[in-house]
Structures are given as C-alpha cells and as structure tokens.
Amino acid sequence: MGVIRKERPSEGELASLGVKGWGTWECEASEFPWEYDDEETCYILEGRARVRTAAGEQVEFGAGDLVQFPRGLKCTWTVTERIRKHYKFG
C-alpha cells in the first residue's frame, strides 16, 4: 500500500476525523529521508511537498490535501515551500 492523497476533503470529513485536535508540525524548504514506524494521516495547512518512496512512487501534495502514509514506508521528503500540517499517528 502506498501514499494516499485526498484533494480538498470537506469540512465535515475533517471534523469527523478530529483534525483540529491533532498535533501541528512545520518545516522550512528542505530534503530529508524518513521512515514511518506507524501509519500517519496529515492535513496540509500551508505549503507544498513531494514524497518519493523507496519503490519509486512519487506523490506531490499541498495546502488543502489530506495525506495518509502507511506504516513501514521508507521515503524521501522534499519540502518545496515551507509546510505546516496537522498530523496524527495510528
């Protein structure tokens, strides 16, 4: 299972997930390797990024997107515009 990106989920969907109660993370433009020890779901508040998986899949996302990363995923993050997101693990 790869990265799942949902473009512009509705306010109802975001409310049912409890997104506003999740933690917040932000990062300046940069590139770094990452491995997910647990599934992560995040809602991008601002900015843009691209994730390239070890399998060669590439997913771009930005403000307004809901993104899910599976447990065990190894990837490289490329933050192209300072990013800020709400996130939750598990």
PDB file of N, CA and C in Angstrom:
ATOM      1  N   MET A   1       0.838  -1.182   0.000  1.00  0.00           N
ATOM      2  CA  MET A   1       0.000   0.000   0.000  1.00  0.00           C
ATOM      3  C   MET A   1       0.881   1.242   0.000  1.00  0.00           C
ATOM      4  N   GLY A   2       0.573   2.199  -0.847  1.00  0.00           N
ATOM      5  CA  GLY A   2       1.384   3.393  -0.963  1.00  0.00           C
ATOM      6  C   GLY A   2       0.756   4.598  -0.284  1.00  0.00           C
ATOM      7  N   VAL A   3       1.273   5.743  -0.633  1.00  0.00           N
ATOM      8  CA  VAL A   3       0.788   7.011  -0.105  1.00  0.00           C
ATOM      9  C   VAL A   3      -0.576   7.314  -0.720  1.00  0.00           C
ATOM     10  N   ILE A   4      -1.522   7.741   0.110  1.00  0.00           N
ATOM     11  CA  ILE A   4      -2.859   8.088  -0.362  1.00  0.00           C
ATOM     12  C   ILE A   4      -3.066   9.587  -0.168  1.00  0.00           C
ATOM     13  N   ARG A   5      -3.442  10.264  -1.237  1.00  0.00           N
ATOM     14  CA  ARG A   5      -3.684  11.709  -1.189  1.00  0.00           C
ATOM     15  C   ARG A   5      -5.138  11.975  -1.557  1.00  0.00           C
ATOM     16  N   LYS A   6      -5.827  12.701  -0.692  1.00  0.00           N
ATOM     17  CA  LYS A   6      -7.196  13.109  -0.989  1.00  0.00           C
ATOM     18  C   LYS A   6      -7.200  14.627  -1.107  1.00  0.00           C
ATOM     19  N   GLU A   7      -7.558  15.103  -2.278  1.00  0.00           N
ATOM     20  CA  GLU A   7      -7.570  16.532  -2.556  1.00  0.00           C
ATOM     21  C   GLU A   7      -8.828  17.176  -1.974  1.00  0.00           C
ATOM     22  N   ARG A   8      -8.633  18.207  -1.188  1.00  0.00           N
ATOM     23  CA  ARG A   8      -9.712  19.042  -0.656  1.00  0.00           C
ATOM     24  C   ARG A   8     -10.869  18.269  -0.009  1.00  0.00           C
ATOM     25  N   PRO A   9     -10.611  17.557   1.096  1.00  0.00           N
ATOM     26  CA  PRO A   9     -11.724  16.896   1.791  1.00  0.00           C
ATOM     27  C   PRO A   9     -12.690  17.948   2.332  1.00  0.00           C
ATOM     28  N   SER A  10     -13.935  17.565   2.533  1.00  0.00           N
ATOM     29  CA  SER A  10     -14.947  18.508   3.018  1.00  0.00           C
ATOM     30  C   SER A  10     -14.706  18.845   4.493  1.00  0.00           C
ATOM     31  N   GLU A  11     -15.291  19.960   4.927  1.00  0.00           N
ATOM     32  CA  GLU A  11     -15.200  20.355   6.339  1.00  0.00           C
ATOM     33  C   GLU A  11     -15.800  19.270   7.227  1.00  0.00           C
ATOM     34  N   GLY A  12     -16.861  18.623   6.750  1.00  0.00           N
ATOM     35  CA  GLY A  12     -17.486  17.532   7.502  1.00  0.00           C
ATOM     36  C   GLY A  12     -16.535  16.362   7.699  1.00  0.00           C
ATOM     37  N   GLU A  13     -15.813  15.996   6.637  1.00  0.00           N
ATOM     38  CA  GLU A  13     -14.837  14.905   6.743  1.00  0.00           C
ATOM     39  C   GLU A  13     -13.744  15.259   7.752  1.00  0.00           C
ATOM     40  N   LEU A  14     -13.238  16.487   7.655  1.00  0.00           N
ATOM     41  CA  LEU A  14     -12.174  16.924   8.563  1.00  0.00           C
ATOM     42  C   LEU A  14     -12.663  16.932  10.010  1.00  0.00           C
ATOM     43  N   ALA A  15     -13.894  17.395  10.222  1.00  0.00           N
ATOM     44  CA  ALA A  15     -14.460  17.426  11.573  1.00  0.00           C
ATOM     45  C   ALA A  15     -14.631  16.010  12.122  1.00  0.00           C
ATOM     46  N   SER A  16     -15.102  15.078  11.280  1.00  0.00           N
ATOM     47  CA  SER A  16     -15.313  13.703  11.749  1.00  0.00           C
ATOM     48  C   SER A  16     -13.993  13.015  12.112  1.00  0.00           C
ATOM     49  N   LEU A  17     -12.906  13.440  11.481  1.00  0.00           N
ATOM     50  CA  LEU A  17     -11.585  12.902  11.810  1.00  0.00           C
ATOM     51  C   LEU A  17     -10.975  13.585  13.040  1.00  0.00           C
ATOM     52  N   GLY A  18     -11.507  14.745  13.408  1.00  0.00           N
ATOM     53  CA  GLY A  18     -10.967  15.484  14.550  1.00  0.00           C
ATOM     54  C   GLY A  18      -9.670  16.205  14.245  1.00  0.00           C
ATOM     55  N   VAL A  19      -9.477  16.589  12.990  1.00  0.00           N
ATOM     56  CA  VAL A  19      -8.214  17.166  12.510  1.00  0.00           C
ATOM     57  C   VAL A  19      -7.742  18.360  13.349  1.00  0.00           C
ATOM     58  N   LYS A  20      -8.658  19.221  13.757  1.00  0.00           N
ATOM     59  CA  LYS A  20      -8.258  20.418  14.503  1.00  0.00           C
ATOM     60  C   LYS A  20      -7.637  20.087  15.854  1.00  0.00           C
ATOM     61  N   GLY A  21      -7.866  18.893  16.359  1.00  0.00           N
ATOM     62  CA  GLY A  21      -7.288  18.467  17.635  1.00  0.00           C
ATOM     63  C   GLY A  21      -5.953  17.744  17.496  1.00  0.00           C
ATOM     64  N   TRP A  22      -5.499  17.514  16.268  1.00  0.00           N
ATOM     65  CA  TRP A  22      -4.228  16.821  16.047  1.00  0.00           C
ATOM     66  C   TRP A  22      -3.056  17.753  16.330  1.00  0.00           C
ATOM     67  N   GLY A  23      -1.869  17.179  16.437  1.00  0.00           N
ATOM     68  CA  GLY A  23      -0.656  17.968  16.610  1.00  0.00           C
ATOM     69  C   GLY A  23      -0.345  18.755  15.337  1.00  0.00           C
ATOM     70  N   THR A  24       0.541  19.729  15.469  1.00  0.00           N
ATOM     71  CA  THR A  24       0.953  20.552  14.331  1.00  0.00           C
ATOM     72  C   THR A  24       2.460  20.419  14.144  1.00  0.00           C
ATOM     73  N   TRP A  25       2.892  20.322  12.900  1.00  0.00           N
ATOM     74  CA  TRP A  25       4.311  20.217  12.547  1.00  0.00           C
ATOM     75  C   TRP A  25       4.561  21.167  11.394  1.00  0.00           C
ATOM     76  N   GLU A  26       5.738  21.783  11.402  1.00  0.00           N
ATOM     77  CA  GLU A  26       6.099  22.642  10.271  1.00  0.00           C
ATOM     78  C   GLU A  26       7.574  22.469   9.958  1.00  0.00           C
ATOM     79  N   CYS A  27       7.915  22.801   8.699  1.00  0.00           N
ATOM     80  CA  CYS A  27       9.280  22.603   8.222  1.00  0.00           C
ATOM     81  C   CYS A  27       9.563  23.568   7.077  1.00  0.00           C
ATOM     82  N   GLU A  28      10.750  24.135   7.099  1.00  0.00           N
ATOM     83  CA  GLU A  28      11.191  25.007   6.001  1.00  0.00           C
ATOM     84  C   GLU A  28      11.531  24.142   4.778  1.00  0.00           C
ATOM     85  N   ALA A  29      11.719  24.767   3.637  1.00  0.00           N
ATOM     86  CA  ALA A  29      12.117  24.046   2.422  1.00  0.00           C
ATOM     87  C   ALA A  29      13.384  23.241   2.718  1.00  0.00           C
ATOM     88  N   SER A  30      13.337  21.961   2.413  1.00  0.00           N
ATOM     89  CA  SER A  30      14.457  21.055   2.709  1.00  0.00           C
ATOM     90  C   SER A  30      14.196  19.693   2.080  1.00  0.00           C
ATOM     91  N   GLU A  31      15.168  18.802   2.228  1.00  0.00           N
ATOM     92  CA  GLU A  31      15.013  17.430   1.764  1.00  0.00           C
ATOM     93  C   GLU A  31      15.612  16.510   2.819  1.00  0.00           C
ATOM     94  N   PHE A  32      14.896  15.413   3.148  1.00  0.00           N
ATOM     95  CA  PHE A  32      15.376  14.506   4.184  1.00  0.00           C
ATOM     96  C   PHE A  32      14.735  13.120   4.028  1.00  0.00           C
ATOM     97  N   PRO A  33      15.457  12.076   4.438  1.00  0.00           N
ATOM     98  CA  PRO A  33      14.897  10.724   4.413  1.00  0.00           C
ATOM     99  C   PRO A  33      13.984  10.530   5.625  1.00  0.00           C
ATOM    100  N   TRP A  34      12.983   9.663   5.472  1.00  0.00           N
ATOM    101  CA  TRP A  34      12.067   9.399   6.576  1.00  0.00           C
ATOM    102  C   TRP A  34      11.548   7.977   6.487  1.00  0.00           C
ATOM    103  N   GLU A  35      11.304   7.368   7.646  1.00  0.00           N
ATOM    104  CA  GLU A  35      10.692   6.045   7.705  1.00  0.00           C
ATOM    105  C   GLU A  35       9.564   6.095   8.720  1.00  0.00           C
ATOM    106  N   TYR A  36       8.407   5.580   8.353  1.00  0.00           N
ATOM    107  CA  TYR A  36       7.225   5.627   9.204  1.00  0.00           C
ATOM    108  C   TYR A  36       7.128   4.374  10.068  1.00  0.00           C
ATOM    109  N   ASP A  37       7.241   4.563  11.395  1.00  0.00           N
ATOM    110  CA  ASP A  37       7.100   3.457  12.353  1.00  0.00           C
ATOM    111  C   ASP A  37       5.636   3.108  12.573  1.00  0.00           C
ATOM    112  N   ASP A  38       4.757   4.043  12.223  1.00  0.00           N
ATOM    113  CA  ASP A  38       3.317   3.862  12.376  1.00  0.00           C
ATOM    114  C   ASP A  38       2.633   4.592  11.223  1.00  0.00           C
ATOM    115  N   GLU A  39       1.386   4.265  10.969  1.00  0.00           N
ATOM    116  CA  GLU A  39       0.633   4.985   9.943  1.00  0.00           C
ATOM    117  C   GLU A  39       0.472   6.443  10.373  1.00  0.00           C
ATOM    118  N   GLU A  40       0.604   7.370   9.429  1.00  0.00           N
ATOM    119  CA  GLU A  40       0.371   8.777   9.714  1.00  0.00           C
ATOM    120  C   GLU A  40      -0.690   9.320   8.759  1.00  0.00           C
ATOM    121  N   THR A  41      -1.621  10.091   9.297  1.00  0.00           N
ATOM    122  CA  THR A  41      -2.572  10.843   8.498  1.00  0.00           C
ATOM    123  C   THR A  41      -2.315  12.308   8.791  1.00  0.00           C
ATOM    124  N   CYS A  42      -2.234  13.116   7.745  1.00  0.00           N
ATOM    125  CA  CYS A  42      -1.991  14.541   7.967  1.00  0.00           C
ATOM    126  C   CYS A  42      -2.850  15.382   7.024  1.00  0.00           C
ATOM    127  N   TYR A  43      -3.134  16.587   7.494  1.00  0.00           N
ATOM    128  CA  TYR A  43      -3.883  17.559   6.712  1.00  0.00           C
ATOM    129  C   TYR A  43      -2.968  18.754   6.514  1.00  0.00           C
ATOM    130  N   ILE A  44      -2.684  19.093   5.258  1.00  0.00           N
ATOM    131  CA  ILE A  44      -1.729  20.152   4.939  1.00  0.00           C
ATOM    132  C   ILE A  44      -2.425  21.512   5.055  1.00  0.00           C
ATOM    133  N   LEU A  45      -1.926  22.335   5.952  1.00  0.00           N
ATOM    134  CA  LEU A  45      -2.496  23.667   6.189  1.00  0.00           C
ATOM    135  C   LEU A  45      -1.929  24.698   5.226  1.00  0.00           C
ATOM    136  N   GLU A  46      -0.624  24.599   4.967  1.00  0.00           N
ATOM    137  CA  GLU A  46       0.017  25.520   4.011  1.00  0.00           C
ATOM    138  C   GLU A  46       1.298  24.886   3.492  1.00  0.00           C
ATOM    139  N   GLY A  47       1.731  25.360   2.319  1.00  0.00           N
ATOM    140  CA  GLY A  47       2.972  24.885   1.726  1.00  0.00           C
ATOM    141  C   GLY A  47       2.780  23.763   0.731  1.00  0.00           C
ATOM    142  N   ARG A  48       3.920  23.224   0.264  1.00  0.00           N
ATOM    143  CA  ARG A  48       3.928  22.142  -0.731  1.00  0.00           C
ATOM    144  C   ARG A  48       5.104  21.222  -0.445  1.00  0.00           C
ATOM    145  N   ALA A  49       4.911  19.947  -0.767  1.00  0.00           N
ATOM    146  CA  ALA A  49       5.981  18.966  -0.606  1.00  0.00           C
ATOM    147  C   ALA A  49       5.780  17.828  -1.602  1.00  0.00           C
ATOM    148  N   ARG A  50       6.831  17.031  -1.726  1.00  0.00           N
ATOM    149  CA  ARG A  50       6.810  15.850  -2.587  1.00  0.00           C
ATOM    150  C   ARG A  50       7.474  14.733  -1.793  1.00  0.00           C
ATOM    151  N   VAL A  51       6.898  13.541  -1.867  1.00  0.00           N
ATOM    152  CA  VAL A  51       7.476  12.368  -1.219  1.00  0.00           C
ATOM    153  C   VAL A  51       7.790  11.346  -2.295  1.00  0.00           C
ATOM    154  N   ARG A  52       9.013  10.833  -2.276  1.00  0.00           N
ATOM    155  CA  ARG A  52       9.435   9.777  -3.204  1.00  0.00           C
ATOM    156  C   ARG A  52       9.722   8.532  -2.369  1.00  0.00           C
ATOM    157  N   THR A  53       9.021   7.452  -2.658  1.00  0.00           N
ATOM    158  CA  THR A  53       9.192   6.229  -1.889  1.00  0.00           C
ATOM    159  C   THR A  53      10.376   5.423  -2.412  1.00  0.00           C
ATOM    160  N   ALA A  54      10.812   4.464  -1.600  1.00  0.00           N
ATOM    161  CA  ALA A  54      11.910   3.584  -1.999  1.00  0.00           C
ATOM    162  C   ALA A  54      11.525   2.772  -3.236  1.00  0.00           C
ATOM    163  N   ALA A  55      10.211   2.555  -3.443  1.00  0.00           N
ATOM    164  CA  ALA A  55       9.719   1.805  -4.603  1.00  0.00           C
ATOM    165  C   ALA A  55       9.605   2.672  -5.855  1.00  0.00           C
ATOM    166  N   GLY A  56       9.904   3.981  -5.721  1.00  0.00           N
ATOM    167  CA  GLY A  56       9.868   4.864  -6.884  1.00  0.00           C
ATOM    168  C   GLY A  56       8.586   5.655  -7.057  1.00  0.00           C
ATOM    169  N   GLU A  57       7.585   5.418  -6.209  1.00  0.00           N
ATOM    170  CA  GLU A  57       6.342   6.200  -6.272  1.00  0.00           C
ATOM    171  C   GLU A  57       6.650   7.636  -5.847  1.00  0.00           C
ATOM    172  N   GLN A  58       6.047   8.584  -6.522  1.00  0.00           N
ATOM    173  CA  GLN A  58       6.230   9.993  -6.177  1.00  0.00           C
ATOM    174  C   GLN A  58       4.855  10.638  -6.031  1.00  0.00           C
ATOM    175  N   VAL A  59       4.625  11.293  -4.887  1.00  0.00           N
ATOM    176  CA  VAL A  59       3.342  11.931  -4.615  1.00  0.00           C
ATOM    177  C   VAL A  59       3.607  13.369  -4.199  1.00  0.00           C
ATOM    178  N   GLU A  60       2.923  14.304  -4.865  1.00  0.00           N
ATOM    179  CA  GLU A  60       3.020  15.726  -4.514  1.00  0.00           C
ATOM    180  C   GLU A  60       1.736  16.127  -3.814  1.00  0.00           C
ATOM    181  N   PHE A  61       1.852  17.016  -2.838  1.00  0.00           N
ATOM    182  CA  PHE A  61       0.680  17.474  -2.110  1.00  0.00           C
ATOM    183  C   PHE A  61       0.929  18.876  -1.583  1.00  0.00           C
ATOM    184  N   GLY A  62      -0.172  19.550  -1.244  1.00  0.00           N
ATOM    185  CA  GLY A  62      -0.076  20.917  -0.763  1.00  0.00           C
ATOM    186  C   GLY A  62      -1.292  21.295   0.061  1.00  0.00           C
ATOM    187  N   ALA A  63      -1.385  22.577   0.372  1.00  0.00           N
ATOM    188  CA  ALA A  63      -2.451  23.094   1.222  1.00  0.00           C
ATOM    189  C   ALA A  63      -3.816  22.572   0.784  1.00  0.00           C
ATOM    190  N   GLY A  64      -4.571  22.064   1.759  1.00  0.00           N
ATOM    191  CA  GLY A  64      -5.912  21.551   1.489  1.00  0.00           C
ATOM    192  C   GLY A  64      -5.973  20.063   1.241  1.00  0.00           C
ATOM    193  N   ASP A  65      -4.816  19.385   1.164  1.00  0.00           N
ATOM    194  CA  ASP A  65      -4.804  17.942   0.908  1.00  0.00           C
ATOM    195  C   ASP A  65      -4.737  17.151   2.213  1.00  0.00           C
ATOM    196  N   LEU A  66      -5.400  16.011   2.232  1.00  0.00           N
ATOM    197  CA  LEU A  66      -5.326  15.043   3.311  1.00  0.00           C
ATOM    198  C   LEU A  66      -4.459  13.904   2.788  1.00  0.00           C
ATOM    199  N   VAL A  67      -3.417  13.543   3.518  1.00  0.00           N
ATOM    200  CA  VAL A  67      -2.456  12.553   3.028  1.00  0.00           C
ATOM    201  C   VAL A  67      -2.267  11.472   4.078  1.00  0.00           C
ATOM    202  N   GLN A  68      -2.198  10.223   3.615  1.00  0.00           N
ATOM    203  CA  GLN A  68      -2.002   9.091   4.518  1.00  0.00           C
ATOM    204  C   GLN A  68      -0.755   8.325   4.095  1.00  0.00           C
ATOM    205  N   PHE A  69       0.126   8.072   5.075  1.00  0.00           N
ATOM    206  CA  PHE A  69       1.371   7.346   4.846  1.00  0.00           C
ATOM    207  C   PHE A  69       1.301   6.024   5.603  1.00  0.00           C
ATOM    208  N   PRO A  70       1.520   4.892   4.937  1.00  0.00           N
ATOM    209  CA  PRO A  70       1.413   3.599   5.607  1.00  0.00           C
ATOM    210  C   PRO A  70       2.606   3.318   6.529  1.00  0.00           C
ATOM    211  N   ARG A  71       2.341   2.545   7.541  1.00  0.00           N
ATOM    212  CA  ARG A  71       3.386   2.077   8.457  1.00  0.00           C
ATOM    213  C   ARG A  71       4.448   1.323   7.659  1.00  0.00           C
ATOM    214  N   GLY A  72       5.718   1.561   7.986  1.00  0.00           N
ATOM    215  CA  GLY A  72       6.818   0.873   7.323  1.00  0.00           C
ATOM    216  C   GLY A  72       7.333   1.567   6.076  1.00  0.00           C
ATOM    217  N   LEU A  73       6.660   2.620   5.624  1.00  0.00           N
ATOM    218  CA  LEU A  73       7.076   3.334   4.413  1.00  0.00           C
ATOM    219  C   LEU A  73       8.445   3.995   4.603  1.00  0.00           C
ATOM    220  N   LYS A  74       9.327   3.772   3.653  1.00  0.00           N
ATOM    221  CA  LYS A  74      10.620   4.465   3.604  1.00  0.00           C
ATOM    222  C   LYS A  74      10.557   5.417   2.424  1.00  0.00           C
ATOM    223  N   CYS A  75      10.913   6.678   2.667  1.00  0.00           N
ATOM    224  CA  CYS A  75      10.767   7.670   1.614  1.00  0.00           C
ATOM    225  C   CYS A  75      11.723   8.838   1.818  1.00  0.00           C
ATOM    226  N   THR A  76      11.725   9.723   0.841  1.00  0.00           N
ATOM    227  CA  THR A  76      12.461  10.981   0.943  1.00  0.00           C
ATOM    228  C   THR A  76      11.461  12.105   0.782  1.00  0.00           C
ATOM    229  N   TRP A  77      11.430  12.990   1.759  1.00  0.00           N
ATOM    230  CA  TRP A  77      10.588  14.185   1.708  1.00  0.00           C
ATOM    231  C   TRP A  77      11.363  15.305   1.046  1.00  0.00           C
ATOM    232  N   THR A  78      10.730  16.014   0.123  1.00  0.00           N
ATOM    233  CA  THR A  78      11.270  17.247  -0.450  1.00  0.00           C
ATOM    234  C   THR A  78      10.225  18.325  -0.202  1.00  0.00           C
ATOM    235  N   VAL A  79      10.516  19.200   0.747  1.00  0.00           N
ATOM    236  CA  VAL A  79       9.613  20.307   1.067  1.00  0.00           C
ATOM    237  C   VAL A  79       9.996  21.452   0.130  1.00  0.00           C
ATOM    238  N   THR A  80       9.098  21.780  -0.807  1.00  0.00           N
ATOM    239  CA  THR A  80       9.403  22.803  -1.810  1.00  0.00           C
ATOM    240  C   THR A  80       8.969  24.202  -1.376  1.00  0.00           C
ATOM    241  N   GLU A  81       7.951  24.283  -0.520  1.00  0.00           N
ATOM    242  CA  GLU A  81       7.507  25.542   0.083  1.00  0.00           C
ATOM    243  C   GLU A  81       7.249  25.237   1.551  1.00  0.00           C
ATOM    244  N   ARG A  82       7.729  26.113   2.432  1.00  0.00           N
ATOM    245  CA  ARG A  82       7.544  25.898   3.875  1.00  0.00           C
ATOM    246  C   ARG A  82       6.177  25.262   4.136  1.00  0.00           C
ATOM    247  N   ILE A  83       6.198  24.150   4.876  1.00  0.00           N
ATOM    248  CA  ILE A  83       4.965  23.390   5.069  1.00  0.00           C
ATOM    249  C   ILE A  83       4.547  23.426   6.537  1.00  0.00           C
ATOM    250  N   ARG A  84       3.230  23.415   6.734  1.00  0.00           N
ATOM    251  CA  ARG A  84       2.649  23.327   8.068  1.00  0.00           C
ATOM    252  C   ARG A  84       1.476  22.369   7.946  1.00  0.00           C
ATOM    253  N   LYS A  85       1.402  21.422   8.883  1.00  0.00           N
ATOM    254  CA  LYS A  85       0.359  20.403   8.789  1.00  0.00           C
ATOM    255  C   LYS A  85      -0.133  20.005  10.172  1.00  0.00           C
ATOM    256  N   HIS A  86      -1.392  19.516  10.226  1.00  0.00           N
ATOM    257  CA  HIS A  86      -1.911  18.797  11.389  1.00  0.00           C
ATOM    258  C   HIS A  86      -1.634  17.328  11.096  1.00  0.00           C
ATOM    259  N   TYR A  87      -1.285  16.562  12.126  1.00  0.00           N
ATOM    260  CA  TYR A  87      -0.958  15.152  11.899  1.00  0.00           C
ATOM    261  C   TYR A  87      -1.384  14.298  13.089  1.00  0.00           C
ATOM    262  N   LYS A  88      -1.565  13.013  12.808  1.00  0.00           N
ATOM    263  CA  LYS A  88      -1.789  12.038  13.872  1.00  0.00           C
ATOM    264  C   LYS A  88      -1.223  10.701  13.411  1.00  0.00           C
ATOM    265  N   PHE A  89      -0.697   9.961  14.373  1.00  0.00           N
ATOM    266  CA  PHE A  89      -0.183   8.623  14.122  1.00  0.00           C
ATOM    267  C   PHE A  89      -1.177   7.600  14.630  1.00  0.00           C
ATOM    268  N   GLY A  90      -1.168   6.435  13.970  1.00  0.00           N
ATOM    269  CA  GLY A  90      -2.022   5.338  14.401  1.00  0.00           C
ATOM    270  C   GLY A  90      -3.346   5.289  13.701  1.00  0.00           C
TER     271      GLY A  90
END
